[in-house]
Every structure is written in structure tokens, then in C-alpha cells.
């Protein structure tokens, strides 16, 4: 739903919660890359997506991780939450960290998803963010929180 405050457009979502996972597996961070129409670019992002009605963020994070990457995790550590773009939306992303992958299966993309799974050394990601090449707010915030909480060196 789009509404207007002071002639500025904003998006109010009655189900604004999403969940994403920063995965550290086999000395690599797992990301997905997909085309995002609003920015007309393919973007590297955390495996993430909207929480279904009544779904706890942790359950949504596990589901999205499995659907988008085929990875099944054990322990998930909550990192916190981030407003993706609070000047135009009430969307909030709940962020988690795992280095506990217990199984792998085939990804099960949604019908409208066209994404690829990538594995990067952490420094490659940090350099891409520092150089302004990658701009995902959730990815940057999750990396910062994972470092501050001692999950990454």
C-alpha cells in the first residue's frame, strides 16, 4: 500500500517483517545475487525474504535460507534488526548469523525469483562494500553486527 505524508510517498506494509541470514560456511560467506528492478541492477544480498503471516523471524530465516541456497542450519544467532529504508517504508529485516550448516539440499526458488548463490571470502565482501560496489543495507549491517558480536574475525 502506498500512502503520502507531506507530499512524500511512502510504503506502509501491514506485514513488514523479513528475515535474513549471514552464513559463514567452509571459510566463506554465502550470498545470493538477484536483479532488483527499483535499482535496475543485480545485487549481492543475504539469503532473506519476507516472513509469512504468523511466522517468527527465526523460522522465516531458516525457511528462506533453505529455499534460496539449499542450506539447512542448526543454531541461529540473532544479530538484531535493521530498518531497510525508514524514510520511505516500515520494512524491518531481522538478521541472524550461523556457521552451523547441518545439511544441504536443492534450493527451491519462488516462481518470481531468479537468483544465483555465491561464496566469498569475508574480505572480498568488505572490500566491495568499502569501495561502494555493493550497497545492500542488510548485508552491511549483518557483517557489522557479526563482527561486533565476535562471530567473524
C-alpha atoms as a PDB file:
ATOM      1  CA  UNK A   1       0.000   0.000   0.000  1.00  0.00           C
ATOM      2  CA  UNK A   2       1.370   3.435  -0.892  1.00  0.00           C
ATOM      3  CA  UNK A   3       0.362   6.493   1.083  1.00  0.00           C
ATOM      4  CA  UNK A   4       1.535  10.078   1.278  1.00  0.00           C
ATOM      5  CA  UNK A   5       2.880  12.143   4.154  1.00  0.00           C
ATOM      6  CA  UNK A   6       3.711  15.794   3.436  1.00  0.00           C
ATOM      7  CA  UNK A   7       3.636  15.089  -0.303  1.00  0.00           C
ATOM      8  CA  UNK A   8       6.371  12.442   0.052  1.00  0.00           C
ATOM      9  CA  UNK A   9       5.453   8.903  -0.984  1.00  0.00           C
ATOM     10  CA  UNK A  10       5.967   6.114   1.494  1.00  0.00           C
ATOM     11  CA  UNK A  11       5.134   2.442   1.638  1.00  0.00           C
ATOM     12  CA  UNK A  12       3.218   1.035   4.568  1.00  0.00           C
ATOM     13  CA  UNK A  13       3.353  -2.769   4.658  1.00  0.00           C
ATOM     14  CA  UNK A  14       0.868  -4.444   7.031  1.00  0.00           C
ATOM     15  CA  UNK A  15       3.346  -7.386   7.205  1.00  0.00           C
ATOM     16  CA  UNK A  16       6.673  -5.523   7.307  1.00  0.00           C
ATOM     17  CA  UNK A  17       8.889  -8.241   8.804  1.00  0.00           C
ATOM     18  CA  UNK A  18      11.588 -10.034   6.851  1.00  0.00           C
ATOM     19  CA  UNK A  19      14.468 -12.228   7.947  1.00  0.00           C
ATOM     20  CA  UNK A  20      17.958 -12.781   6.597  1.00  0.00           C
ATOM     21  CA  UNK A  21      20.917 -14.957   7.475  1.00  0.00           C
ATOM     22  CA  UNK A  22      24.624 -14.202   7.356  1.00  0.00           C
ATOM     23  CA  UNK A  23      26.091 -17.659   6.727  1.00  0.00           C
ATOM     24  CA  UNK A  24      29.743 -18.471   7.338  1.00  0.00           C
ATOM     25  CA  UNK A  25      30.359 -21.919   5.874  1.00  0.00           C
ATOM     26  CA  UNK A  26      33.595 -23.590   4.763  1.00  0.00           C
ATOM     27  CA  UNK A  27      35.534 -20.326   5.311  1.00  0.00           C
ATOM     28  CA  UNK A  28      33.178 -18.420   3.007  1.00  0.00           C
ATOM     29  CA  UNK A  29      30.147 -16.191   3.370  1.00  0.00           C
ATOM     30  CA  UNK A  30      27.149 -17.353   1.354  1.00  0.00           C
ATOM     31  CA  UNK A  31      25.276 -14.660  -0.587  1.00  0.00           C
ATOM     32  CA  UNK A  32      22.636 -14.613  -3.260  1.00  0.00           C
ATOM     33  CA  UNK A  33      22.633 -12.328  -6.268  1.00  0.00           C
ATOM     34  CA  UNK A  34      19.433 -11.236  -7.902  1.00  0.00           C
ATOM     35  CA  UNK A  35      18.118  -8.492 -10.121  1.00  0.00           C
ATOM     36  CA  UNK A  36      16.284  -5.720  -8.277  1.00  0.00           C
ATOM     37  CA  UNK A  37      14.044  -3.631 -10.525  1.00  0.00           C
ATOM     38  CA  UNK A  38      13.901  -0.474  -8.329  1.00  0.00           C
ATOM     39  CA  UNK A  39      17.690  -0.033  -8.662  1.00  0.00           C
ATOM     40  CA  UNK A  40      17.930  -1.667 -12.116  1.00  0.00           C
ATOM     41  CA  UNK A  41      20.852  -3.823 -11.026  1.00  0.00           C
ATOM     42  CA  UNK A  42      21.825  -7.275  -9.835  1.00  0.00           C
ATOM     43  CA  UNK A  43      22.572  -7.043  -6.128  1.00  0.00           C
ATOM     44  CA  UNK A  44      24.532  -9.287  -3.759  1.00  0.00           C
ATOM     45  CA  UNK A  45      22.399  -9.905  -0.673  1.00  0.00           C
ATOM     46  CA  UNK A  46      21.927 -12.146   2.308  1.00  0.00           C
ATOM     47  CA  UNK A  47      19.640 -15.113   1.786  1.00  0.00           C
ATOM     48  CA  UNK A  48      16.467 -13.427   3.013  1.00  0.00           C
ATOM     49  CA  UNK A  49      12.818 -12.798   2.458  1.00  0.00           C
ATOM     50  CA  UNK A  50       9.533 -11.784   3.959  1.00  0.00           C
ATOM     51  CA  UNK A  51       8.146 -13.577   6.970  1.00  0.00           C
ATOM     52  CA  UNK A  52       4.846 -15.276   6.331  1.00  0.00           C
ATOM     53  CA  UNK A  53       1.814 -14.289   8.386  1.00  0.00           C
ATOM     54  CA  UNK A  54       2.318 -15.572  11.934  1.00  0.00           C
ATOM     55  CA  UNK A  55       5.843 -16.836  11.196  1.00  0.00           C
ATOM     56  CA  UNK A  56       8.541 -15.998  13.740  1.00  0.00           C
ATOM     57  CA  UNK A  57      11.575 -14.255  12.222  1.00  0.00           C
ATOM     58  CA  UNK A  58      13.881 -17.173  13.145  1.00  0.00           C
ATOM     59  CA  UNK A  59      11.583 -19.603  11.343  1.00  0.00           C
ATOM     60  CA  UNK A  60      11.427 -17.272   8.339  1.00  0.00           C
ATOM     61  CA  UNK A  61      15.231 -17.047   8.295  1.00  0.00           C
ATOM     62  CA  UNK A  62      15.586 -20.838   8.298  1.00  0.00           C
ATOM     63  CA  UNK A  63      12.974 -21.206   5.550  1.00  0.00           C
ATOM     64  CA  UNK A  64      14.483 -18.523   3.311  1.00  0.00           C
ATOM     65  CA  UNK A  65      17.994 -19.950   3.768  1.00  0.00           C
ATOM     66  CA  UNK A  66      16.785 -23.407   2.712  1.00  0.00           C
ATOM     67  CA  UNK A  67      14.683 -22.109  -0.191  1.00  0.00           C
ATOM     68  CA  UNK A  68      17.310 -19.775  -1.635  1.00  0.00           C
ATOM     69  CA  UNK A  69      20.534 -21.734  -1.018  1.00  0.00           C
ATOM     70  CA  UNK A  70      19.546 -25.310  -0.161  1.00  0.00           C
ATOM     71  CA  UNK A  71      21.448 -24.968   3.130  1.00  0.00           C
ATOM     72  CA  UNK A  72      19.891 -26.227   6.353  1.00  0.00           C
ATOM     73  CA  UNK A  73      21.251 -24.744   9.547  1.00  0.00           C
ATOM     74  CA  UNK A  74      21.330 -25.786  13.163  1.00  0.00           C
ATOM     75  CA  UNK A  75      21.968 -22.921  15.556  1.00  0.00           C
ATOM     76  CA  UNK A  76      20.949 -19.426  14.500  1.00  0.00           C
ATOM     77  CA  UNK A  77      22.287 -16.473  16.482  1.00  0.00           C
ATOM     78  CA  UNK A  78      20.091 -13.361  16.454  1.00  0.00           C
ATOM     79  CA  UNK A  79      22.093 -10.285  15.462  1.00  0.00           C
ATOM     80  CA  UNK A  80      19.350  -7.671  15.673  1.00  0.00           C
ATOM     81  CA  UNK A  81      17.154  -5.861  13.199  1.00  0.00           C
ATOM     82  CA  UNK A  82      17.543  -3.061  10.685  1.00  0.00           C
ATOM     83  CA  UNK A  83      15.090  -0.708   9.021  1.00  0.00           C
ATOM     84  CA  UNK A  84      15.845  -1.116   5.331  1.00  0.00           C
ATOM     85  CA  UNK A  85      14.801   2.400   4.308  1.00  0.00           C
ATOM     86  CA  UNK A  86      12.899   4.127   7.136  1.00  0.00           C
ATOM     87  CA  UNK A  87      12.284   7.329   5.204  1.00  0.00           C
ATOM     88  CA  UNK A  88      10.004   5.514   2.741  1.00  0.00           C
ATOM     89  CA  UNK A  89       8.997   2.192   4.347  1.00  0.00           C
ATOM     90  CA  UNK A  90       8.190   0.462   7.628  1.00  0.00           C
ATOM     91  CA  UNK A  91      10.044  -2.654   6.436  1.00  0.00           C
ATOM     92  CA  UNK A  92      12.266  -4.260   9.108  1.00  0.00           C
ATOM     93  CA  UNK A  93      14.782  -7.042   8.487  1.00  0.00           C
ATOM     94  CA  UNK A  94      15.603  -9.383  11.370  1.00  0.00           C
ATOM     95  CA  UNK A  95      19.184 -10.544  10.988  1.00  0.00           C
ATOM     96  CA  UNK A  96      20.747 -13.817  12.079  1.00  0.00           C
ATOM     97  CA  UNK A  97      24.171 -15.466  11.921  1.00  0.00           C
ATOM     98  CA  UNK A  98      25.021 -19.134  11.509  1.00  0.00           C
ATOM     99  CA  UNK A  99      28.149 -21.157  10.976  1.00  0.00           C
ATOM    100  CA  UNK A 100      26.261 -24.362  11.774  1.00  0.00           C
ATOM    101  CA  UNK A 101      25.225 -25.919   8.448  1.00  0.00           C
ATOM    102  CA  UNK A 102      23.934 -29.412   9.121  1.00  0.00           C
ATOM    103  CA  UNK A 103      22.700 -30.449   5.671  1.00  0.00           C
ATOM    104  CA  UNK A 104      22.393 -29.354   2.049  1.00  0.00           C
ATOM    105  CA  UNK A 105      19.559 -29.868  -0.394  1.00  0.00           C
ATOM    106  CA  UNK A 106      18.369 -28.325  -3.652  1.00  0.00           C
ATOM    107  CA  UNK A 107      17.225 -24.695  -3.475  1.00  0.00           C
ATOM    108  CA  UNK A 108      13.502 -24.151  -4.036  1.00  0.00           C
ATOM    109  CA  UNK A 109      13.138 -20.702  -5.576  1.00  0.00           C
ATOM    110  CA  UNK A 110       9.808 -18.909  -5.616  1.00  0.00           C
ATOM    111  CA  UNK A 111       8.267 -18.617  -9.089  1.00  0.00           C
ATOM    112  CA  UNK A 112       9.295 -14.949  -9.349  1.00  0.00           C
ATOM    113  CA  UNK A 113      12.864 -15.469  -8.099  1.00  0.00           C
ATOM    114  CA  UNK A 114      15.836 -15.646 -10.401  1.00  0.00           C
ATOM    115  CA  UNK A 115      18.901 -15.737  -8.229  1.00  0.00           C
ATOM    116  CA  UNK A 116      22.308 -17.328  -8.028  1.00  0.00           C
ATOM    117  CA  UNK A 117      24.202 -18.488  -4.951  1.00  0.00           C
ATOM    118  CA  UNK A 118      27.768 -17.265  -4.368  1.00  0.00           C
ATOM    119  CA  UNK A 119      30.504 -17.976  -1.801  1.00  0.00           C
ATOM    120  CA  UNK A 120      33.015 -15.261  -0.903  1.00  0.00           C
ATOM    121  CA  UNK A 121      35.897 -14.817   1.481  1.00  0.00           C
ATOM    122  CA  UNK A 122      34.794 -12.185   4.032  1.00  0.00           C
ATOM    123  CA  UNK A 123      37.483  -9.690   2.957  1.00  0.00           C
ATOM    124  CA  UNK A 124      36.175  -9.689  -0.638  1.00  0.00           C
ATOM    125  CA  UNK A 125      32.772  -8.581   0.659  1.00  0.00           C
ATOM    126  CA  UNK A 126      34.210  -5.964   2.982  1.00  0.00           C
ATOM    127  CA  UNK A 127      36.303  -4.522   0.145  1.00  0.00           C
ATOM    128  CA  UNK A 128      33.279  -4.395  -2.188  1.00  0.00           C
ATOM    129  CA  UNK A 129      31.260  -2.553   0.468  1.00  0.00           C
ATOM    130  CA  UNK A 130      34.152  -0.188   1.273  1.00  0.00           C
ATOM    131  CA  UNK A 131      34.619   0.618  -2.423  1.00  0.00           C
ATOM    132  CA  UNK A 132      30.907   1.329  -2.871  1.00  0.00           C
ATOM    133  CA  UNK A 133      30.394  -1.575  -5.264  1.00  0.00           C
ATOM    134  CA  UNK A 134      27.864  -3.382  -3.044  1.00  0.00           C
ATOM    135  CA  UNK A 135      25.120  -1.388  -1.339  1.00  0.00           C
ATOM    136  CA  UNK A 136      22.834  -3.841   0.472  1.00  0.00           C
ATOM    137  CA  UNK A 137      21.930  -2.297   3.853  1.00  0.00           C
ATOM    138  CA  UNK A 138      21.073  -5.673   5.378  1.00  0.00           C
ATOM    139  CA  UNK A 139      24.375  -7.221   4.279  1.00  0.00           C
ATOM    140  CA  UNK A 140      26.462  -4.352   5.647  1.00  0.00           C
ATOM    141  CA  UNK A 141      24.528  -4.234   8.913  1.00  0.00           C
ATOM    142  CA  UNK A 142      24.739  -8.019   9.402  1.00  0.00           C
ATOM    143  CA  UNK A 143      28.509  -8.012   8.789  1.00  0.00           C
ATOM    144  CA  UNK A 144      28.995  -5.207  11.288  1.00  0.00           C
ATOM    145  CA  UNK A 145      26.871  -6.934  13.939  1.00  0.00           C
ATOM    146  CA  UNK A 146      28.566 -10.303  13.347  1.00  0.00           C
ATOM    147  CA  UNK A 147      31.994  -8.672  13.811  1.00  0.00           C
ATOM    148  CA  UNK A 148      30.891  -6.721  16.906  1.00  0.00           C
ATOM    149  CA  UNK A 149      29.480  -9.910  18.455  1.00  0.00           C
ATOM    150  CA  UNK A 150      32.659 -11.914  17.791  1.00  0.00           C
ATOM    151  CA  UNK A 151      31.236 -14.248  15.139  1.00  0.00           C
ATOM    152  CA  UNK A 152      33.699 -13.066  12.473  1.00  0.00           C
ATOM    153  CA  UNK A 153      37.340 -12.028  12.794  1.00  0.00           C
END
